[in-house]
Structure formats: structure tokens, C-alpha cells
Amino acid sequence: MDGQGQRVMVVDNDRTVLELLQIRLEVAGYRAYVVRHGRQALELVQQIRPAAMIVEAHPGGAGIEIDGFEIVSSIRARCPEQHFPIVMTGRNLTADDVRRALVCGAQNCMAKPYSGADAVERIGRLLQAAHHPQPQLPRPVFSTAPAVVYV
């Protein structure tokens, strides 16, 4: 798929991951913006207005001030008019992590390790789906109230 110069931001504390994804995205025709810190990502997202993002859920290491869940939640709260695809990544993602990522506003999750080609393909598919939306189905309603059956 041709990225046609669309902007994709990658947020991860691992320099190797950032370098790999930057190269893969640029070869595919995207403009890649790589960021190691959450606060920097929050500032930059309003400036560059990315078409999509890849965000690490649980960045490790010193100096990590916010995690990927907080980044996604903050972006969705600050920029409600910008509803671009976000892929949450991470090692050892649990079912709770995936649920939390989706609730925060991510569209997809990808477990590490993953290949750069897989990441680029996933971004391409999400962007294609965003440009050709399917009709929205009503969201299911969940209740904690006991069911009442009348006979």
C-alpha cells in the first residue's frame, strides 16, 4: 500500500523499534514521526495532525511520565474532532490491556514482537477502512440489573 505522504506518529521508548518503524513507514510512502516520551507526543499530535498512530502501552525505563493508555485517552479528550486510527502495542498484553486500550480510544492492538511489515500493513488497512467507513451498527447496551422474564 502507498502511504501517499500521510503522517504516522510512533510513540515508543525503544530506539530500535522507532528506527525500524520509521524506515518501514517511509519506504511505504508515509511521513513518520517518532517520539520517545508521552508528553512530547501530546504536544506534537496537535501540530502535525497525524493520520494514524502506533503507541506503546507499557513503556519501561527511567523518565517515563505517562503510559500509552494515558496518551490515547488524552489525545481523544483534547482532539475529539481528530478521530484517526491508533494501534496500541506492547509485550505481554493481557485481555484487560486490550479492553482498556479499546476503551481509551485505540482501534487495534498488536503484541510485541511484531515485524515492521506487519505494523505498516495494519496501519494501511486501518487508514483504508477510515476512508471507506462501513455503516454503524447500534452499540450493545449492557446492564448489571437482573433480567426479568414475564410469562
N, C-alpha and C. Protein backbone atom coordinates (compact mmCIF):
# COMPACT_ATOMS: atom_id res chain seq x y z
N MET A 1 0.84 -1.19 0.00
CA MET A 1 0.00 0.00 0.00
C MET A 1 0.87 1.24 0.00
N ASP A 2 0.42 2.26 -0.69
CA ASP A 2 1.16 3.50 -0.76
C ASP A 2 0.63 4.47 0.29
N GLY A 3 1.53 4.92 1.17
CA GLY A 3 1.13 5.82 2.24
C GLY A 3 0.78 7.21 1.77
N GLN A 4 1.14 7.58 0.54
CA GLN A 4 0.81 8.86 -0.06
C GLN A 4 1.15 10.05 0.83
N GLY A 5 2.24 9.94 1.56
CA GLY A 5 2.68 11.05 2.39
C GLY A 5 1.89 11.28 3.66
N GLN A 6 0.98 10.36 4.00
CA GLN A 6 0.20 10.53 5.22
C GLN A 6 1.12 10.46 6.44
N ARG A 7 0.82 11.23 7.45
CA ARG A 7 1.64 11.30 8.66
C ARG A 7 1.25 10.19 9.64
N VAL A 8 2.27 9.47 10.11
CA VAL A 8 2.07 8.43 11.11
C VAL A 8 3.04 8.70 12.25
N MET A 9 2.51 8.81 13.47
CA MET A 9 3.35 9.03 14.65
C MET A 9 3.51 7.71 15.40
N VAL A 10 4.74 7.44 15.81
CA VAL A 10 5.04 6.24 16.59
C VAL A 10 5.58 6.69 17.94
N VAL A 11 4.98 6.19 19.02
CA VAL A 11 5.42 6.53 20.38
C VAL A 11 5.90 5.25 21.05
N ASP A 12 7.20 5.19 21.33
CA ASP A 12 7.80 4.01 21.96
C ASP A 12 9.11 4.45 22.58
N ASN A 13 9.47 3.86 23.70
CA ASN A 13 10.73 4.25 24.34
C ASN A 13 11.93 3.48 23.80
N ASP A 14 11.69 2.49 22.95
CA ASP A 14 12.75 1.66 22.40
C ASP A 14 13.25 2.26 21.08
N ARG A 15 14.49 2.74 21.10
CA ARG A 15 15.05 3.38 19.90
C ARG A 15 15.08 2.44 18.70
N THR A 16 15.35 1.17 18.94
CA THR A 16 15.40 0.20 17.84
C THR A 16 14.04 0.09 17.16
N VAL A 17 12.98 0.01 17.95
CA VAL A 17 11.62 -0.05 17.40
C VAL A 17 11.33 1.21 16.60
N LEU A 18 11.69 2.37 17.16
CA LEU A 18 11.44 3.63 16.47
C LEU A 18 12.17 3.70 15.13
N GLU A 19 13.43 3.29 15.12
CA GLU A 19 14.22 3.33 13.88
C GLU A 19 13.63 2.37 12.84
N LEU A 20 13.30 1.16 13.27
CA LEU A 20 12.73 0.17 12.35
C LEU A 20 11.43 0.69 11.74
N LEU A 21 10.53 1.17 12.59
CA LEU A 21 9.24 1.62 12.08
C LEU A 21 9.37 2.88 11.22
N GLN A 22 10.28 3.76 11.58
CA GLN A 22 10.48 4.96 10.77
C GLN A 22 10.90 4.56 9.35
N ILE A 23 11.87 3.65 9.24
CA ILE A 23 12.34 3.20 7.93
C ILE A 23 11.21 2.52 7.17
N ARG A 24 10.52 1.57 7.82
CA ARG A 24 9.44 0.82 7.15
C ARG A 24 8.32 1.74 6.68
N LEU A 25 7.92 2.67 7.53
CA LEU A 25 6.85 3.59 7.16
C LEU A 25 7.26 4.50 6.00
N GLU A 26 8.48 5.01 6.05
CA GLU A 26 8.93 5.90 4.98
C GLU A 26 9.08 5.16 3.65
N VAL A 27 9.57 3.93 3.69
CA VAL A 27 9.67 3.13 2.47
C VAL A 27 8.28 2.90 1.87
N ALA A 28 7.27 2.76 2.74
CA ALA A 28 5.89 2.54 2.29
C ALA A 28 5.21 3.84 1.85
N GLY A 29 5.91 4.97 1.96
CA GLY A 29 5.35 6.23 1.48
C GLY A 29 4.71 7.11 2.53
N TYR A 30 4.83 6.74 3.80
CA TYR A 30 4.29 7.55 4.89
C TYR A 30 5.35 8.55 5.36
N ARG A 31 4.90 9.61 6.02
CA ARG A 31 5.81 10.52 6.71
C ARG A 31 5.79 10.09 8.17
N ALA A 32 6.90 9.57 8.65
CA ALA A 32 6.98 9.01 10.00
C ALA A 32 7.50 10.04 10.99
N TYR A 33 6.84 10.13 12.12
CA TYR A 33 7.27 10.97 13.24
C TYR A 33 7.45 10.03 14.42
N VAL A 34 8.66 9.95 14.95
CA VAL A 34 8.93 9.05 16.06
C VAL A 34 9.19 9.86 17.32
N VAL A 35 8.60 9.38 18.41
CA VAL A 35 8.64 10.09 19.68
C VAL A 35 8.91 9.09 20.80
N ARG A 36 9.79 9.46 21.73
CA ARG A 36 10.12 8.56 22.83
C ARG A 36 9.37 8.86 24.12
N HIS A 37 8.78 10.03 24.24
CA HIS A 37 8.14 10.43 25.50
C HIS A 37 6.70 10.86 25.28
N GLY A 38 5.85 10.48 26.22
CA GLY A 38 4.43 10.74 26.11
C GLY A 38 4.06 12.20 26.03
N ARG A 39 4.65 13.03 26.86
CA ARG A 39 4.32 14.46 26.85
C ARG A 39 4.69 15.09 25.51
N GLN A 40 5.82 14.66 24.96
CA GLN A 40 6.23 15.15 23.64
C GLN A 40 5.20 14.73 22.59
N ALA A 41 4.70 13.52 22.69
CA ALA A 41 3.69 13.04 21.75
C ALA A 41 2.42 13.88 21.83
N LEU A 42 2.00 14.21 23.04
CA LEU A 42 0.79 15.01 23.21
C LEU A 42 0.94 16.41 22.60
N GLU A 43 2.12 16.98 22.70
CA GLU A 43 2.36 18.29 22.10
C GLU A 43 2.41 18.19 20.57
N LEU A 44 3.11 17.18 20.08
CA LEU A 44 3.32 17.04 18.65
C LEU A 44 2.06 16.65 17.89
N VAL A 45 1.17 15.88 18.51
CA VAL A 45 -0.02 15.41 17.82
C VAL A 45 -0.89 16.58 17.36
N GLN A 46 -0.94 17.65 18.13
CA GLN A 46 -1.74 18.81 17.73
C GLN A 46 -1.07 19.59 16.61
N GLN A 47 0.25 19.53 16.53
CA GLN A 47 0.98 20.25 15.49
C GLN A 47 0.93 19.52 14.15
N ILE A 48 1.18 18.22 14.16
CA ILE A 48 1.30 17.51 12.88
C ILE A 48 0.00 16.89 12.40
N ARG A 49 -0.98 16.72 13.29
CA ARG A 49 -2.27 16.12 12.95
C ARG A 49 -2.07 14.81 12.18
N PRO A 50 -1.60 13.77 12.86
CA PRO A 50 -1.29 12.51 12.18
C PRO A 50 -2.53 11.83 11.61
N ALA A 51 -2.31 11.04 10.58
CA ALA A 51 -3.39 10.22 10.01
C ALA A 51 -3.59 8.96 10.84
N ALA A 52 -2.53 8.53 11.56
CA ALA A 52 -2.59 7.33 12.40
C ALA A 52 -1.45 7.37 13.41
N MET A 53 -1.57 6.55 14.45
CA MET A 53 -0.52 6.44 15.48
C MET A 53 -0.32 4.99 15.88
N ILE A 54 0.91 4.70 16.30
CA ILE A 54 1.26 3.44 16.95
C ILE A 54 1.82 3.83 18.31
N VAL A 55 1.23 3.32 19.38
CA VAL A 55 1.59 3.75 20.73
C VAL A 55 1.89 2.53 21.60
N GLU A 56 3.04 2.56 22.26
CA GLU A 56 3.44 1.51 23.22
C GLU A 56 2.59 1.65 24.48
N ALA A 57 1.97 0.56 24.92
CA ALA A 57 1.09 0.58 26.09
C ALA A 57 1.86 0.78 27.40
N HIS A 58 2.92 -0.01 27.59
CA HIS A 58 3.66 -0.01 28.85
C HIS A 58 5.12 0.32 28.61
N PRO A 59 5.44 1.57 28.35
CA PRO A 59 6.86 1.89 28.13
C PRO A 59 7.63 1.69 29.43
N GLY A 60 8.77 1.06 29.33
CA GLY A 60 9.60 0.85 30.50
C GLY A 60 10.73 1.87 30.53
N GLY A 61 11.52 1.81 31.53
CA GLY A 61 12.69 2.68 31.60
C GLY A 61 12.46 3.91 32.45
N ALA A 62 13.56 4.60 32.69
CA ALA A 62 13.51 5.80 33.53
C ALA A 62 12.93 6.96 32.75
N GLY A 63 12.30 7.86 33.45
CA GLY A 63 11.81 9.09 32.84
C GLY A 63 10.48 8.95 32.11
N ILE A 64 9.81 7.81 32.24
CA ILE A 64 8.52 7.63 31.58
C ILE A 64 7.46 8.26 32.48
N GLU A 65 6.88 9.35 32.00
CA GLU A 65 5.95 10.09 32.83
C GLU A 65 4.50 9.65 32.66
N ILE A 66 4.12 9.16 31.48
CA ILE A 66 2.76 8.66 31.27
C ILE A 66 2.83 7.43 30.37
N ASP A 67 1.85 6.54 30.53
CA ASP A 67 1.85 5.34 29.70
C ASP A 67 0.99 5.54 28.45
N GLY A 68 0.97 4.52 27.61
CA GLY A 68 0.24 4.61 26.35
C GLY A 68 -1.25 4.80 26.52
N PHE A 69 -1.83 4.23 27.56
CA PHE A 69 -3.26 4.38 27.80
C PHE A 69 -3.59 5.85 28.08
N GLU A 70 -2.75 6.48 28.88
CA GLU A 70 -2.95 7.90 29.19
C GLU A 70 -2.76 8.77 27.94
N ILE A 71 -1.80 8.40 27.10
CA ILE A 71 -1.56 9.15 25.86
C ILE A 71 -2.81 9.09 24.99
N VAL A 72 -3.34 7.90 24.77
CA VAL A 72 -4.51 7.75 23.91
C VAL A 72 -5.72 8.46 24.50
N SER A 73 -5.95 8.29 25.79
CA SER A 73 -7.09 8.97 26.44
C SER A 73 -6.97 10.48 26.32
N SER A 74 -5.78 11.01 26.54
CA SER A 74 -5.57 12.45 26.45
C SER A 74 -5.79 12.97 25.03
N ILE A 75 -5.30 12.23 24.04
CA ILE A 75 -5.49 12.65 22.65
C ILE A 75 -6.98 12.66 22.32
N ARG A 76 -7.68 11.63 22.69
CA ARG A 76 -9.12 11.57 22.38
C ARG A 76 -9.89 12.69 23.09
N ALA A 77 -9.47 13.04 24.33
CA ALA A 77 -10.13 14.11 25.07
C ALA A 77 -9.79 15.49 24.50
N ARG A 78 -8.52 15.70 24.14
CA ARG A 78 -8.07 17.01 23.65
C ARG A 78 -8.47 17.29 22.21
N CYS A 79 -8.56 16.25 21.41
CA CYS A 79 -8.79 16.41 19.96
C CYS A 79 -9.96 15.56 19.51
N PRO A 80 -11.17 15.80 20.02
CA PRO A 80 -12.29 14.93 19.65
C PRO A 80 -12.63 14.98 18.16
N GLU A 81 -12.27 16.07 17.50
CA GLU A 81 -12.56 16.19 16.07
C GLU A 81 -11.58 15.38 15.23
N GLN A 82 -10.45 14.99 15.80
CA GLN A 82 -9.44 14.20 15.11
C GLN A 82 -9.61 12.74 15.50
N HIS A 83 -10.41 12.02 14.77
CA HIS A 83 -10.60 10.62 15.12
C HIS A 83 -9.84 9.73 14.15
N PHE A 84 -8.53 9.68 14.33
CA PHE A 84 -7.66 8.88 13.48
C PHE A 84 -7.37 7.55 14.15
N PRO A 85 -6.97 6.53 13.37
CA PRO A 85 -6.70 5.21 13.96
C PRO A 85 -5.46 5.22 14.85
N ILE A 86 -5.58 4.50 15.97
CA ILE A 86 -4.46 4.32 16.88
C ILE A 86 -4.32 2.83 17.15
N VAL A 87 -3.08 2.33 17.00
CA VAL A 87 -2.76 0.94 17.31
C VAL A 87 -1.93 0.93 18.59
N MET A 88 -2.39 0.20 19.58
CA MET A 88 -1.67 0.06 20.84
C MET A 88 -0.81 -1.20 20.76
N THR A 89 0.46 -1.07 21.15
CA THR A 89 1.37 -2.22 21.12
C THR A 89 1.90 -2.49 22.53
N GLY A 90 2.46 -3.67 22.70
CA GLY A 90 3.09 -3.96 23.99
C GLY A 90 3.47 -5.42 24.12
N ARG A 91 4.40 -5.66 25.00
CA ARG A 91 4.80 -7.02 25.34
C ARG A 91 3.81 -7.55 26.38
N ASN A 92 3.48 -8.81 26.25
CA ASN A 92 2.62 -9.46 27.24
C ASN A 92 1.30 -8.72 27.46
N LEU A 93 0.67 -8.27 26.38
CA LEU A 93 -0.63 -7.62 26.52
C LEU A 93 -1.65 -8.64 27.03
N THR A 94 -2.35 -8.26 28.07
CA THR A 94 -3.39 -9.13 28.63
C THR A 94 -4.73 -8.77 28.01
N ALA A 95 -5.73 -9.59 28.25
CA ALA A 95 -7.08 -9.28 27.79
C ALA A 95 -7.54 -7.97 28.40
N ASP A 96 -7.18 -7.70 29.66
CA ASP A 96 -7.54 -6.43 30.29
C ASP A 96 -6.86 -5.25 29.60
N ASP A 97 -5.58 -5.43 29.19
CA ASP A 97 -4.88 -4.37 28.46
C ASP A 97 -5.58 -4.05 27.14
N VAL A 98 -5.99 -5.09 26.43
CA VAL A 98 -6.67 -4.89 25.15
C VAL A 98 -7.99 -4.17 25.37
N ARG A 99 -8.77 -4.62 26.36
CA ARG A 99 -10.04 -3.96 26.67
C ARG A 99 -9.81 -2.50 27.04
N ARG A 100 -8.83 -2.26 27.88
CA ARG A 100 -8.53 -0.89 28.32
C ARG A 100 -8.09 -0.02 27.14
N ALA A 101 -7.29 -0.58 26.23
CA ALA A 101 -6.85 0.17 25.05
C ALA A 101 -8.04 0.58 24.19
N LEU A 102 -8.96 -0.35 23.98
CA LEU A 102 -10.14 -0.05 23.17
C LEU A 102 -11.03 0.99 23.85
N VAL A 103 -11.19 0.88 25.15
CA VAL A 103 -11.99 1.85 25.89
C VAL A 103 -11.35 3.24 25.83
N CYS A 104 -10.03 3.30 25.88
CA CYS A 104 -9.31 4.58 25.82
C CYS A 104 -9.43 5.24 24.45
N GLY A 105 -9.68 4.45 23.41
CA GLY A 105 -9.83 5.03 22.08
C GLY A 105 -8.95 4.44 21.01
N ALA A 106 -8.20 3.39 21.33
CA ALA A 106 -7.41 2.71 20.30
C ALA A 106 -8.35 1.86 19.44
N GLN A 107 -8.00 1.69 18.17
CA GLN A 107 -8.81 0.86 17.29
C GLN A 107 -8.30 -0.56 17.20
N ASN A 108 -7.04 -0.78 17.58
CA ASN A 108 -6.44 -2.07 17.36
C ASN A 108 -5.30 -2.26 18.34
N CYS A 109 -4.92 -3.51 18.58
CA CYS A 109 -3.78 -3.83 19.43
C CYS A 109 -2.87 -4.81 18.71
N MET A 110 -1.58 -4.73 19.01
CA MET A 110 -0.60 -5.59 18.36
C MET A 110 0.45 -5.96 19.41
N ALA A 111 0.65 -7.27 19.59
CA ALA A 111 1.60 -7.75 20.59
C ALA A 111 3.03 -7.68 20.05
N LYS A 112 3.95 -7.30 20.92
CA LYS A 112 5.37 -7.32 20.58
C LYS A 112 5.89 -8.72 20.90
N PRO A 113 6.83 -9.22 20.15
CA PRO A 113 7.46 -8.58 18.99
C PRO A 113 6.58 -8.71 17.75
N TYR A 114 6.66 -7.73 16.88
CA TYR A 114 5.96 -7.76 15.60
C TYR A 114 6.93 -7.27 14.54
N SER A 115 6.64 -7.57 13.30
CA SER A 115 7.54 -7.12 12.23
C SER A 115 7.11 -5.73 11.78
N GLY A 116 8.07 -4.98 11.27
CA GLY A 116 7.77 -3.67 10.72
C GLY A 116 6.77 -3.75 9.59
N ALA A 117 6.89 -4.82 8.78
CA ALA A 117 5.95 -5.01 7.67
C ALA A 117 4.52 -5.21 8.18
N ASP A 118 4.37 -5.97 9.26
CA ASP A 118 3.03 -6.17 9.84
C ASP A 118 2.45 -4.85 10.35
N ALA A 119 3.27 -4.04 10.99
CA ALA A 119 2.80 -2.76 11.51
C ALA A 119 2.36 -1.85 10.37
N VAL A 120 3.14 -1.78 9.31
CA VAL A 120 2.80 -0.93 8.17
C VAL A 120 1.52 -1.43 7.50
N GLU A 121 1.39 -2.74 7.36
CA GLU A 121 0.18 -3.29 6.76
C GLU A 121 -1.05 -2.97 7.60
N ARG A 122 -0.92 -3.10 8.92
CA ARG A 122 -2.06 -2.82 9.80
C ARG A 122 -2.45 -1.35 9.72
N ILE A 123 -1.48 -0.46 9.72
CA ILE A 123 -1.78 0.97 9.59
C ILE A 123 -2.49 1.23 8.26
N GLY A 124 -1.98 0.62 7.18
CA GLY A 124 -2.60 0.80 5.87
C GLY A 124 -4.05 0.35 5.85
N ARG A 125 -4.32 -0.80 6.45
CA ARG A 125 -5.69 -1.31 6.48
C ARG A 125 -6.61 -0.42 7.31
N LEU A 126 -6.12 0.07 8.44
CA LEU A 126 -6.93 0.95 9.28
C LEU A 126 -7.22 2.27 8.57
N LEU A 127 -6.22 2.80 7.88
CA LEU A 127 -6.43 4.05 7.15
C LEU A 127 -7.40 3.85 6.00
N GLN A 128 -7.28 2.72 5.32
CA GLN A 128 -8.20 2.43 4.23
C GLN A 128 -9.63 2.31 4.76
N ALA A 129 -9.80 1.63 5.88
CA ALA A 129 -11.13 1.49 6.49
C ALA A 129 -11.67 2.84 6.94
N ALA A 130 -10.78 3.72 7.43
CA ALA A 130 -11.22 5.04 7.87
C ALA A 130 -11.72 5.89 6.71
N HIS A 131 -11.16 5.66 5.52
CA HIS A 131 -11.58 6.42 4.35
C HIS A 131 -12.80 5.82 3.67
N HIS A 132 -13.12 4.57 3.99
CA HIS A 132 -14.29 3.89 3.43
C HIS A 132 -15.09 3.28 4.57
N PRO A 133 -15.71 4.13 5.39
CA PRO A 133 -16.39 3.61 6.58
C PRO A 133 -17.60 2.74 6.23
N GLN A 134 -17.81 1.75 7.07
CA GLN A 134 -18.97 0.88 6.96
C GLN A 134 -20.10 1.51 7.76
N PRO A 135 -21.35 1.17 7.44
CA PRO A 135 -22.46 1.70 8.23
C PRO A 135 -22.31 1.28 9.70
N GLN A 136 -22.63 2.20 10.57
CA GLN A 136 -22.50 1.92 12.01
C GLN A 136 -23.70 1.11 12.50
N LEU A 137 -23.40 0.05 13.22
CA LEU A 137 -24.44 -0.75 13.85
C LEU A 137 -24.69 -0.18 15.24
N PRO A 138 -25.88 -0.33 15.76
CA PRO A 138 -26.12 0.15 17.12
C PRO A 138 -25.20 -0.57 18.11
N ARG A 139 -24.70 0.18 19.08
CA ARG A 139 -23.83 -0.41 20.10
C ARG A 139 -24.67 -1.21 21.08
N PRO A 140 -24.17 -2.35 21.52
CA PRO A 140 -24.94 -3.13 22.50
C PRO A 140 -25.00 -2.39 23.84
N VAL A 141 -26.09 -2.59 24.52
CA VAL A 141 -26.27 -1.98 25.83
C VAL A 141 -26.12 -3.08 26.87
N PHE A 142 -25.25 -2.83 27.84
CA PHE A 142 -25.02 -3.81 28.89
C PHE A 142 -25.60 -3.28 30.18
N SER A 143 -26.21 -4.15 30.93
CA SER A 143 -26.82 -3.75 32.19
C SER A 143 -26.40 -4.74 33.27
N THR A 144 -26.24 -4.23 34.47
CA THR A 144 -25.95 -5.10 35.59
C THR A 144 -27.22 -5.50 36.34
N ALA A 145 -28.36 -4.95 35.89
CA ALA A 145 -29.64 -5.27 36.53
C ALA A 145 -30.02 -6.71 36.20
N PRO A 146 -30.66 -7.39 37.14
CA PRO A 146 -31.08 -8.77 36.87
C PRO A 146 -32.14 -8.77 35.78
N ALA A 147 -32.10 -9.79 34.96
CA ALA A 147 -33.09 -9.93 33.89
C ALA A 147 -34.43 -10.34 34.47
N VAL A 148 -35.48 -9.77 33.95
CA VAL A 148 -36.83 -10.11 34.37
C VAL A 148 -37.54 -10.71 33.18
N VAL A 149 -38.09 -11.89 33.36
CA VAL A 149 -38.80 -12.56 32.28
C VAL A 149 -40.25 -12.68 32.69
N TYR A 150 -41.14 -12.16 31.82
CA TYR A 150 -42.57 -12.27 32.09
C TYR A 150 -43.12 -13.43 31.25
N VAL A 151 -43.94 -14.26 31.89
CA VAL A 151 -44.52 -15.41 31.20
C VAL A 151 -45.97 -15.18 30.97
